[in-house]
Amino acid sequence: MRKYLPLIRASYMVSLVYRFGFLFSIIGNIVYLGVAYYLWKSIYQGRDVLNGLTFNETFLYVGLGSAIFILLKTYADWIIHFEIQQGTIATYLTKPLDFQLYSLFTNFGAVLMNLTAITVPTAVVMIFVFKVQVTSGIGLWLFPISLIFAFLISFSIDFFVGLISFYSESVWGVTATKDIIVTVLSGGLIPLQFFPEAMQKILYWLPFQAVYHTPLMMITKADLGWGTFLPMLLLQIAWAIILLIASRLFYNQAIKVIRISGG
């Protein structure tokens, strides 16, 4: 495991090269925050609470959700697809390293870069420009832990989809469908509380909500306590383990049918 740790630093340093990309991401996020602020302000006009959330809580959920979306976007599916098309996947498969762990640690370095360059600045803008109030509570302490497991789930889903490249010429359609499903059903677009109650009961048991809804609720309603957050965290951990194992099993099968073009 120790040999994979330098990959985190290497990936972090490589990400520093694309400064303009981070700059435009920050600017885009600020524009999105402005649009979201006035959109939800108009929705809440004359109302203090909607579906159990105040305007402050909803804006915190949606605004921070946009930053976490960038934070947890691993692009593992596109990277695997590109490496198979170019033939460079053979380089990794012949080296004395585990390709899944290699991808995981490389993506973790990029996540740390996104955290410092995009997520933290977005949070600062929300607090000092939009005057968002964050409630203190156990949820704030569980939030970083929840983010780690959210990353593992997001990576496992992307890695699983990327492995389809071993069987298909392109994963564009599958990836696009996956992105839509995860974004909508995870609460990344709008809080799950705004979905029909019957649908909420289903969504709460799916792995998608563990990517965005779980960590966002821990910071949005940080004072709810262990009775609320512990079951959410345990479900999140369970999905992280299940999806890591599932993606591993699929990987073991996929490398048996590898077809490499290019090189």
C-alpha atoms as a PDB file:
ATOM      1  CA  MET A   1       0.000   0.000   0.000  1.00  0.00           C
ATOM      2  CA  ARG A   2       2.899   2.365   0.756  1.00  0.00           C
ATOM      3  CA  LYS A   3       4.076   2.338  -2.866  1.00  0.00           C
ATOM      4  CA  TYR A   4       0.790   3.949  -3.937  1.00  0.00           C
ATOM      5  CA  LEU A   5       1.060   6.938  -1.589  1.00  0.00           C
ATOM      6  CA  PRO A   6       3.475   8.905  -3.857  1.00  0.00           C
ATOM      7  CA  LEU A   7       0.747   8.770  -6.515  1.00  0.00           C
ATOM      8  CA  ILE A   8      -1.343  11.149  -4.400  1.00  0.00           C
ATOM      9  CA  ARG A   9       1.386  13.787  -4.351  1.00  0.00           C
ATOM     10  CA  ALA A  10       2.218  13.256  -8.037  1.00  0.00           C
ATOM     11  CA  SER A  11      -1.428  13.638  -9.057  1.00  0.00           C
ATOM     12  CA  TYR A  12      -1.762  16.732  -6.856  1.00  0.00           C
ATOM     13  CA  MET A  13       1.297  18.345  -8.475  1.00  0.00           C
ATOM     14  CA  VAL A  14       0.089  17.513 -11.985  1.00  0.00           C
ATOM     15  CA  SER A  15      -3.252  19.162 -11.212  1.00  0.00           C
ATOM     16  CA  LEU A  16      -1.403  22.383 -10.310  1.00  0.00           C
ATOM     17  CA  VAL A  17      -0.415  22.735 -13.957  1.00  0.00           C
ATOM     18  CA  TYR A  18      -4.020  23.434 -15.001  1.00  0.00           C
ATOM     19  CA  ARG A  19      -4.421  26.716 -13.101  1.00  0.00           C
ATOM     20  CA  PHE A  20      -6.741  28.301 -15.642  1.00  0.00           C
ATOM     21  CA  GLY A  21      -9.045  25.299 -15.426  1.00  0.00           C
ATOM     22  CA  PHE A  22      -9.416  25.806 -11.687  1.00  0.00           C
ATOM     23  CA  LEU A  23      -9.859  29.553 -12.179  1.00  0.00           C
ATOM     24  CA  PHE A  24     -12.741  29.076 -14.602  1.00  0.00           C
ATOM     25  CA  SER A  25     -14.253  26.414 -12.336  1.00  0.00           C
ATOM     26  CA  ILE A  26     -14.232  28.862  -9.422  1.00  0.00           C
ATOM     27  CA  ILE A  27     -15.735  31.639 -11.552  1.00  0.00           C
ATOM     28  CA  GLY A  28     -18.375  29.264 -12.885  1.00  0.00           C
ATOM     29  CA  ASN A  29     -19.209  28.154  -9.354  1.00  0.00           C
ATOM     30  CA  ILE A  30     -19.602  31.745  -8.179  1.00  0.00           C
ATOM     31  CA  VAL A  31     -21.945  32.486 -11.090  1.00  0.00           C
ATOM     32  CA  TYR A  32     -23.917  29.348 -10.243  1.00  0.00           C
ATOM     33  CA  LEU A  33     -24.142  30.433  -6.597  1.00  0.00           C
ATOM     34  CA  GLY A  34     -25.587  33.777  -7.666  1.00  0.00           C
ATOM     35  CA  VAL A  35     -28.173  32.145  -9.917  1.00  0.00           C
ATOM     36  CA  ALA A  36     -29.082  29.537  -7.272  1.00  0.00           C
ATOM     37  CA  TYR A  37     -29.374  32.201  -4.561  1.00  0.00           C
ATOM     38  CA  TYR A  38     -31.954  34.309  -6.405  1.00  0.00           C
ATOM     39  CA  LEU A  39     -33.756  31.260  -7.816  1.00  0.00           C
ATOM     40  CA  TRP A  40     -34.332  29.697  -4.394  1.00  0.00           C
ATOM     41  CA  LYS A  41     -34.989  33.126  -2.889  1.00  0.00           C
ATOM     42  CA  SER A  42     -37.934  33.493  -5.255  1.00  0.00           C
ATOM     43  CA  ILE A  43     -39.130  29.957  -4.486  1.00  0.00           C
ATOM     44  CA  TYR A  44     -39.069  30.704  -0.750  1.00  0.00           C
ATOM     45  CA  GLN A  45     -40.760  34.098  -1.164  1.00  0.00           C
ATOM     46  CA  GLY A  46     -43.224  34.479   1.705  1.00  0.00           C
ATOM     47  CA  ARG A  47     -42.255  31.125   3.221  1.00  0.00           C
ATOM     48  CA  ASP A  48     -39.878  30.268   6.028  1.00  0.00           C
ATOM     49  CA  VAL A  49     -39.719  26.502   5.573  1.00  0.00           C
ATOM     50  CA  LEU A  50     -40.235  24.170   2.593  1.00  0.00           C
ATOM     51  CA  ASN A  51     -40.163  20.395   3.000  1.00  0.00           C
ATOM     52  CA  GLY A  52     -38.397  20.740   6.330  1.00  0.00           C
ATOM     53  CA  LEU A  53     -35.649  23.043   5.040  1.00  0.00           C
ATOM     54  CA  THR A  54     -35.209  26.763   5.526  1.00  0.00           C
ATOM     55  CA  PHE A  55     -33.878  28.950   2.730  1.00  0.00           C
ATOM     56  CA  ASN A  56     -30.469  29.095   4.425  1.00  0.00           C
ATOM     57  CA  GLU A  57     -30.313  25.296   4.636  1.00  0.00           C
ATOM     58  CA  THR A  58     -31.467  24.776   1.048  1.00  0.00           C
ATOM     59  CA  PHE A  59     -28.992  27.291  -0.356  1.00  0.00           C
ATOM     60  CA  LEU A  60     -26.188  25.756   1.711  1.00  0.00           C
ATOM     61  CA  TYR A  61     -27.186  22.312   0.415  1.00  0.00           C
ATOM     62  CA  VAL A  62     -27.403  23.374  -3.247  1.00  0.00           C
ATOM     63  CA  GLY A  63     -24.435  25.759  -3.219  1.00  0.00           C
ATOM     64  CA  LEU A  64     -22.028  23.444  -1.455  1.00  0.00           C
ATOM     65  CA  GLY A  65     -23.408  20.579  -3.523  1.00  0.00           C
ATOM     66  CA  SER A  66     -22.076  22.206  -6.711  1.00  0.00           C
ATOM     67  CA  ALA A  67     -18.572  22.373  -5.199  1.00  0.00           C
ATOM     68  CA  ILE A  68     -18.749  18.784  -3.934  1.00  0.00           C
ATOM     69  CA  PHE A  69     -19.894  17.678  -7.399  1.00  0.00           C
ATOM     70  CA  ILE A  70     -16.608  18.990  -8.815  1.00  0.00           C
ATOM     71  CA  LEU A  71     -14.711  17.592  -5.839  1.00  0.00           C
ATOM     72  CA  LEU A  72     -15.967  14.025  -6.270  1.00  0.00           C
ATOM     73  CA  LYS A  73     -15.930  13.898 -10.076  1.00  0.00           C
ATOM     74  CA  THR A  74     -13.174  11.337 -10.695  1.00  0.00           C
ATOM     75  CA  TYR A  75     -13.432  10.867 -14.489  1.00  0.00           C
ATOM     76  CA  ALA A  76     -12.137   7.317 -13.904  1.00  0.00           C
ATOM     77  CA  ASP A  77     -14.533   6.064 -16.591  1.00  0.00           C
ATOM     78  CA  TRP A  78     -13.188   8.429 -19.247  1.00  0.00           C
ATOM     79  CA  ILE A  79      -9.560   7.816 -18.248  1.00  0.00           C
ATOM     80  CA  ILE A  80      -9.924   4.041 -18.564  1.00  0.00           C
ATOM     81  CA  HIS A  81     -11.752   4.450 -21.875  1.00  0.00           C
ATOM     82  CA  PHE A  82      -8.975   6.699 -23.244  1.00  0.00           C
ATOM     83  CA  GLU A  83      -6.173   4.391 -22.049  1.00  0.00           C
ATOM     84  CA  ILE A  84      -7.798   1.376 -23.711  1.00  0.00           C
ATOM     85  CA  GLN A  85      -8.296   3.262 -26.980  1.00  0.00           C
ATOM     86  CA  GLN A  86      -4.687   4.494 -26.954  1.00  0.00           C
ATOM     87  CA  GLY A  87      -3.310   1.131 -25.883  1.00  0.00           C
ATOM     88  CA  THR A  88      -1.543   2.599 -22.843  1.00  0.00           C
ATOM     89  CA  ILE A  89      -3.575   0.340 -20.539  1.00  0.00           C
ATOM     90  CA  ALA A  90      -1.062  -2.434 -21.318  1.00  0.00           C
ATOM     91  CA  THR A  91       1.648  -0.359 -19.615  1.00  0.00           C
ATOM     92  CA  TYR A  92      -0.224  -0.457 -16.307  1.00  0.00           C
ATOM     93  CA  LEU A  93      -1.275  -4.095 -16.553  1.00  0.00           C
ATOM     94  CA  THR A  94       2.322  -5.257 -17.035  1.00  0.00           C
ATOM     95  CA  LYS A  95       3.704  -3.264 -14.104  1.00  0.00           C
ATOM     96  CA  PRO A  96       3.915  -4.668 -10.545  1.00  0.00           C
ATOM     97  CA  LEU A  97       0.978  -2.610  -9.341  1.00  0.00           C
ATOM     98  CA  ASP A  98      -2.738  -2.997  -8.918  1.00  0.00           C
ATOM     99  CA  PHE A  99      -4.574  -0.976 -11.577  1.00  0.00           C
ATOM    100  CA  GLN A 100      -7.632  -0.353  -9.395  1.00  0.00           C
ATOM    101  CA  LEU A 101      -5.507   0.944  -6.502  1.00  0.00           C
ATOM    102  CA  TYR A 102      -3.418   2.954  -8.949  1.00  0.00           C
ATOM    103  CA  SER A 103      -6.560   4.643 -10.276  1.00  0.00           C
ATOM    104  CA  LEU A 104      -7.932   5.169  -6.755  1.00  0.00           C
ATOM    105  CA  PHE A 105      -4.851   6.880  -5.346  1.00  0.00           C
ATOM    106  CA  THR A 106      -4.293   8.940  -8.499  1.00  0.00           C
ATOM    107  CA  ASN A 107      -7.848  10.228  -8.305  1.00  0.00           C
ATOM    108  CA  PHE A 108      -7.476  10.942  -4.599  1.00  0.00           C
ATOM    109  CA  GLY A 109      -4.641  13.354  -5.365  1.00  0.00           C
ATOM    110  CA  ALA A 110      -6.871  15.207  -7.832  1.00  0.00           C
ATOM    111  CA  VAL A 111      -9.630  15.324  -5.203  1.00  0.00           C
ATOM    112  CA  LEU A 112      -7.267  16.983  -2.711  1.00  0.00           C
ATOM    113  CA  MET A 113      -6.413  19.563  -5.363  1.00  0.00           C
ATOM    114  CA  ASN A 114     -10.098  20.254  -6.044  1.00  0.00           C
ATOM    115  CA  LEU A 115     -10.676  20.548  -2.296  1.00  0.00           C
ATOM    116  CA  THR A 116      -8.070  23.271  -1.818  1.00  0.00           C
ATOM    117  CA  ALA A 117      -8.620  25.103  -5.106  1.00  0.00           C
ATOM    118  CA  ILE A 118     -12.405  24.928  -5.582  1.00  0.00           C
ATOM    119  CA  THR A 119     -14.406  23.552  -2.652  1.00  0.00           C
ATOM    120  CA  VAL A 120     -12.797  25.649   0.096  1.00  0.00           C
ATOM    121  CA  PRO A 121     -12.976  28.940  -1.909  1.00  0.00           C
ATOM    122  CA  THR A 122     -16.638  28.201  -2.700  1.00  0.00           C
ATOM    123  CA  ALA A 123     -17.385  27.677   0.997  1.00  0.00           C
ATOM    124  CA  VAL A 124     -15.616  30.943   1.844  1.00  0.00           C
ATOM    125  CA  VAL A 125     -17.675  32.837  -0.754  1.00  0.00           C
ATOM    126  CA  MET A 126     -20.907  31.339   0.595  1.00  0.00           C
ATOM    127  CA  ILE A 127     -20.091  32.331   4.173  1.00  0.00           C
ATOM    128  CA  PHE A 128     -18.653  35.809   3.651  1.00  0.00           C
ATOM    129  CA  VAL A 129     -20.477  36.975   0.493  1.00  0.00           C
ATOM    130  CA  PHE A 130     -23.867  35.248   0.703  1.00  0.00           C
ATOM    131  CA  LYS A 131     -23.840  35.239   4.536  1.00  0.00           C
ATOM    132  CA  VAL A 132     -24.764  31.555   4.810  1.00  0.00           C
ATOM    133  CA  GLN A 133     -24.969  30.334   8.397  1.00  0.00           C
ATOM    134  CA  VAL A 134     -23.618  26.902   9.297  1.00  0.00           C
ATOM    135  CA  THR A 135     -25.138  25.224  12.347  1.00  0.00           C
ATOM    136  CA  SER A 136     -22.683  23.645  14.767  1.00  0.00           C
ATOM    137  CA  GLY A 137     -23.158  20.008  15.725  1.00  0.00           C
ATOM    138  CA  ILE A 138     -21.879  16.453  15.385  1.00  0.00           C
ATOM    139  CA  GLY A 139     -22.599  16.592  11.661  1.00  0.00           C
ATOM    140  CA  LEU A 140     -19.664  18.959  11.114  1.00  0.00           C
ATOM    141  CA  TRP A 141     -17.283  16.387  12.583  1.00  0.00           C
ATOM    142  CA  LEU A 142     -18.782  13.557  10.547  1.00  0.00           C
ATOM    143  CA  PHE A 143     -18.796  15.584   7.321  1.00  0.00           C
ATOM    144  CA  PRO A 144     -15.098  14.940   6.371  1.00  0.00           C
ATOM    145  CA  ILE A 145     -15.500  11.224   7.126  1.00  0.00           C
ATOM    146  CA  SER A 146     -18.642  11.100   5.018  1.00  0.00           C
ATOM    147  CA  LEU A 147     -16.823  12.831   2.144  1.00  0.00           C
ATOM    148  CA  ILE A 148     -14.165  10.115   2.111  1.00  0.00           C
ATOM    149  CA  PHE A 149     -16.750   7.364   1.733  1.00  0.00           C
ATOM    150  CA  ALA A 150     -18.661   9.478  -0.810  1.00  0.00           C
ATOM    151  CA  PHE A 151     -15.453   9.636  -2.852  1.00  0.00           C
ATOM    152  CA  LEU A 152     -15.007   5.853  -2.644  1.00  0.00           C
ATOM    153  CA  ILE A 153     -18.570   5.319  -3.866  1.00  0.00           C
ATOM    154  CA  SER A 154     -18.216   7.845  -6.677  1.00  0.00           C
ATOM    155  CA  PHE A 155     -14.899   6.335  -7.748  1.00  0.00           C
ATOM    156  CA  SER A 156     -16.286   2.782  -7.678  1.00  0.00           C
ATOM    157  CA  ILE A 157     -19.246   3.768  -9.881  1.00  0.00           C
ATOM    158  CA  ASP A 158     -16.998   5.576 -12.377  1.00  0.00           C
ATOM    159  CA  PHE A 159     -14.431   2.763 -12.340  1.00  0.00           C
ATOM    160  CA  PHE A 160     -17.164   0.162 -12.913  1.00  0.00           C
ATOM    161  CA  VAL A 161     -18.552   2.111 -15.870  1.00  0.00           C
ATOM    162  CA  GLY A 162     -15.044   2.619 -17.250  1.00  0.00           C
ATOM    163  CA  LEU A 163     -14.472  -1.138 -17.273  1.00  0.00           C
ATOM    164  CA  ILE A 164     -17.247  -1.462 -19.844  1.00  0.00           C
ATOM    165  CA  SER A 165     -14.624  -0.108 -22.276  1.00  0.00           C
ATOM    166  CA  PHE A 166     -13.038  -3.564 -22.198  1.00  0.00           C
ATOM    167  CA  TYR A 167     -16.170  -4.853 -23.924  1.00  0.00           C
ATOM    168  CA  SER A 168     -17.292  -1.803 -25.919  1.00  0.00           C
ATOM    169  CA  GLU A 169     -15.737   0.617 -28.351  1.00  0.00           C
ATOM    170  CA  SER A 170     -17.206   3.597 -26.495  1.00  0.00           C
ATOM    171  CA  VAL A 171     -18.682   4.372 -23.078  1.00  0.00           C
ATOM    172  CA  TRP A 172     -20.005   7.808 -23.983  1.00  0.00           C
ATOM    173  CA  GLY A 173     -23.679   6.805 -23.825  1.00  0.00           C
ATOM    174  CA  VAL A 174     -23.271   4.758 -20.649  1.00  0.00           C
ATOM    175  CA  THR A 175     -21.287   7.528 -18.951  1.00  0.00           C
ATOM    176  CA  ALA A 176     -23.785  10.214 -19.943  1.00  0.00           C
ATOM    177  CA  THR A 177     -26.646   8.096 -18.591  1.00  0.00           C
ATOM    178  CA  LYS A 178     -24.698   7.383 -15.404  1.00  0.00           C
ATOM    179  CA  ASP A 179     -23.992  11.086 -14.839  1.00  0.00           C
ATOM    180  CA  ILE A 180     -27.683  11.980 -15.212  1.00  0.00           C
ATOM    181  CA  ILE A 181     -28.817   9.193 -12.890  1.00  0.00           C
ATOM    182  CA  VAL A 182     -26.258   9.983 -10.192  1.00  0.00           C
ATOM    183  CA  THR A 183     -26.805  13.753 -10.351  1.00  0.00           C
ATOM    184  CA  VAL A 184     -30.595  13.539 -10.116  1.00  0.00           C
ATOM    185  CA  LEU A 185     -31.074  10.584  -7.769  1.00  0.00           C
ATOM    186  CA  SER A 186     -28.249  11.550  -5.406  1.00  0.00           C
ATOM    187  CA  GLY A 187     -29.701  14.907  -4.434  1.00  0.00           C
ATOM    188  CA  GLY A 188     -26.855  16.670  -6.207  1.00  0.00           C
ATOM    189  CA  LEU A 189     -29.257  18.767  -8.279  1.00  0.00           C
ATOM    190  CA  ILE A 190     -32.036  19.421  -5.759  1.00  0.00           C
ATOM    191  CA  PRO A 191     -32.403  18.168  -2.164  1.00  0.00           C
ATOM    192  CA  LEU A 192     -34.078  14.773  -1.890  1.00  0.00           C
ATOM    193  CA  GLN A 193     -36.640  16.352   0.479  1.00  0.00           C
ATOM    194  CA  PHE A 194     -38.262  17.949  -2.581  1.00  0.00           C
ATOM    195  CA  PHE A 195     -38.950  14.558  -4.181  1.00  0.00           C
ATOM    196  CA  PRO A 196     -42.307  12.776  -3.644  1.00  0.00           C
ATOM    197  CA  GLU A 197     -42.336  10.987  -0.298  1.00  0.00           C
ATOM    198  CA  ALA A 198     -42.785   7.532  -1.846  1.00  0.00           C
ATOM    199  CA  MET A 199     -39.788   8.126  -4.103  1.00  0.00           C
ATOM    200  CA  GLN A 200     -37.688   9.396  -1.193  1.00  0.00           C
ATOM    201  CA  LYS A 201     -38.086   6.074   0.634  1.00  0.00           C
ATOM    202  CA  ILE A 202     -36.601   4.280  -2.369  1.00  0.00           C
ATOM    203  CA  LEU A 203     -33.818   6.785  -3.019  1.00  0.00           C
ATOM    204  CA  TYR A 204     -32.603   6.701   0.587  1.00  0.00           C
ATOM    205  CA  TRP A 205     -31.620   3.037   0.159  1.00  0.00           C
ATOM    206  CA  LEU A 206     -29.808   3.464  -3.161  1.00  0.00           C
ATOM    207  CA  PRO A 207     -26.050   4.144  -3.340  1.00  0.00           C
ATOM    208  CA  PHE A 208     -26.484   7.416  -5.240  1.00  0.00           C
ATOM    209  CA  GLN A 209     -27.796   9.392  -2.254  1.00  0.00           C
ATOM    210  CA  ALA A 210     -24.673   8.373  -0.321  1.00  0.00           C
ATOM    211  CA  VAL A 211     -22.546  10.403  -2.737  1.00  0.00           C
ATOM    212  CA  TYR A 212     -24.104  13.843  -2.173  1.00  0.00           C
ATOM    213  CA  HIS A 213     -27.170  13.747   0.060  1.00  0.00           C
ATOM    214  CA  THR A 214     -25.479  12.123   3.075  1.00  0.00           C
ATOM    215  CA  PRO A 215     -22.502  14.516   3.409  1.00  0.00           C
ATOM    216  CA  LEU A 216     -24.622  17.538   2.489  1.00  0.00           C
ATOM    217  CA  MET A 217     -27.212  16.751   5.159  1.00  0.00           C
ATOM    218  CA  MET A 218     -24.440  16.416   7.738  1.00  0.00           C
ATOM    219  CA  ILE A 219     -23.378  20.000   7.138  1.00  0.00           C
ATOM    220  CA  THR A 220     -26.839  21.394   6.363  1.00  0.00           C
ATOM    221  CA  LYS A 221     -28.478  20.045   9.518  1.00  0.00           C
ATOM    222  CA  ALA A 222     -25.400  19.397  11.633  1.00  0.00           C
ATOM    223  CA  ASP A 223     -27.345  19.503  14.907  1.00  0.00           C
ATOM    224  CA  LEU A 224     -29.615  16.510  14.217  1.00  0.00           C
ATOM    225  CA  GLY A 225     -27.441  14.169  16.293  1.00  0.00           C
ATOM    226  CA  TRP A 226     -26.183  10.582  16.215  1.00  0.00           C
ATOM    227  CA  GLY A 227     -29.660   9.067  15.909  1.00  0.00           C
ATOM    228  CA  THR A 228     -29.965  10.545  12.418  1.00  0.00           C
ATOM    229  CA  PHE A 229     -26.398  10.532  11.164  1.00  0.00           C
ATOM    230  CA  LEU A 230     -25.123   7.156  12.381  1.00  0.00           C
ATOM    231  CA  PRO A 231     -27.559   5.087  10.232  1.00  0.00           C
ATOM    232  CA  MET A 232     -26.753   7.322   7.249  1.00  0.00           C
ATOM    233  CA  LEU A 233     -23.015   6.878   7.769  1.00  0.00           C
ATOM    234  CA  LEU A 234     -23.288   3.111   8.239  1.00  0.00           C
ATOM    235  CA  LEU A 235     -25.338   2.793   5.043  1.00  0.00           C
ATOM    236  CA  GLN A 236     -22.750   4.890   3.248  1.00  0.00           C
ATOM    237  CA  ILE A 237     -19.908   2.674   4.507  1.00  0.00           C
ATOM    238  CA  ALA A 238     -21.828  -0.434   3.459  1.00  0.00           C
ATOM    239  CA  TRP A 239     -22.323   0.881  -0.087  1.00  0.00           C
ATOM    240  CA  ALA A 240     -18.655   1.905  -0.314  1.00  0.00           C
ATOM    241  CA  ILE A 241     -17.566  -1.650   0.568  1.00  0.00           C
ATOM    242  CA  ILE A 242     -20.136  -3.306  -1.711  1.00  0.00           C
ATOM    243  CA  LEU A 243     -19.252  -1.154  -4.736  1.00  0.00           C
ATOM    244  CA  LEU A 244     -15.490  -1.497  -4.224  1.00  0.00           C
ATOM    245  CA  ILE A 245     -15.877  -5.278  -4.167  1.00  0.00           C
ATOM    246  CA  ALA A 246     -18.274  -5.268  -7.129  1.00  0.00           C
ATOM    247  CA  SER A 247     -15.947  -3.109  -9.233  1.00  0.00           C
ATOM    248  CA  ARG A 248     -13.039  -5.370  -8.258  1.00  0.00           C
ATOM    249  CA  LEU A 249     -14.869  -8.510  -9.347  1.00  0.00           C
ATOM    250  CA  PHE A 250     -15.858  -6.864 -12.614  1.00  0.00           C
ATOM    251  CA  TYR A 251     -12.244  -5.784 -13.165  1.00  0.00           C
ATOM    252  CA  ASN A 252     -11.005  -9.356 -12.679  1.00  0.00           C
ATOM    253  CA  GLN A 253     -13.376 -10.467 -15.432  1.00  0.00           C
ATOM    254  CA  ALA A 254     -12.847  -7.500 -17.746  1.00  0.00           C
ATOM    255  CA  ILE A 255      -9.063  -7.880 -18.073  1.00  0.00           C
ATOM    256  CA  LYS A 256      -9.639 -11.371 -19.483  1.00  0.00           C
ATOM    257  CA  VAL A 257     -11.250  -9.961 -22.622  1.00  0.00           C
ATOM    258  CA  ILE A 258      -9.012  -6.932 -23.146  1.00  0.00           C
ATOM    259  CA  ARG A 259      -8.524  -5.799 -26.730  1.00  0.00           C
ATOM    260  CA  ILE A 260      -5.901  -3.100 -27.264  1.00  0.00           C
ATOM    261  CA  SER A 261      -5.676  -0.806 -30.256  1.00  0.00           C
ATOM    262  CA  GLY A 262      -3.027   1.814 -30.792  1.00  0.00           C
ATOM    263  CA  GLY A 263       0.094   1.769 -28.643  1.00  0.00           C
END
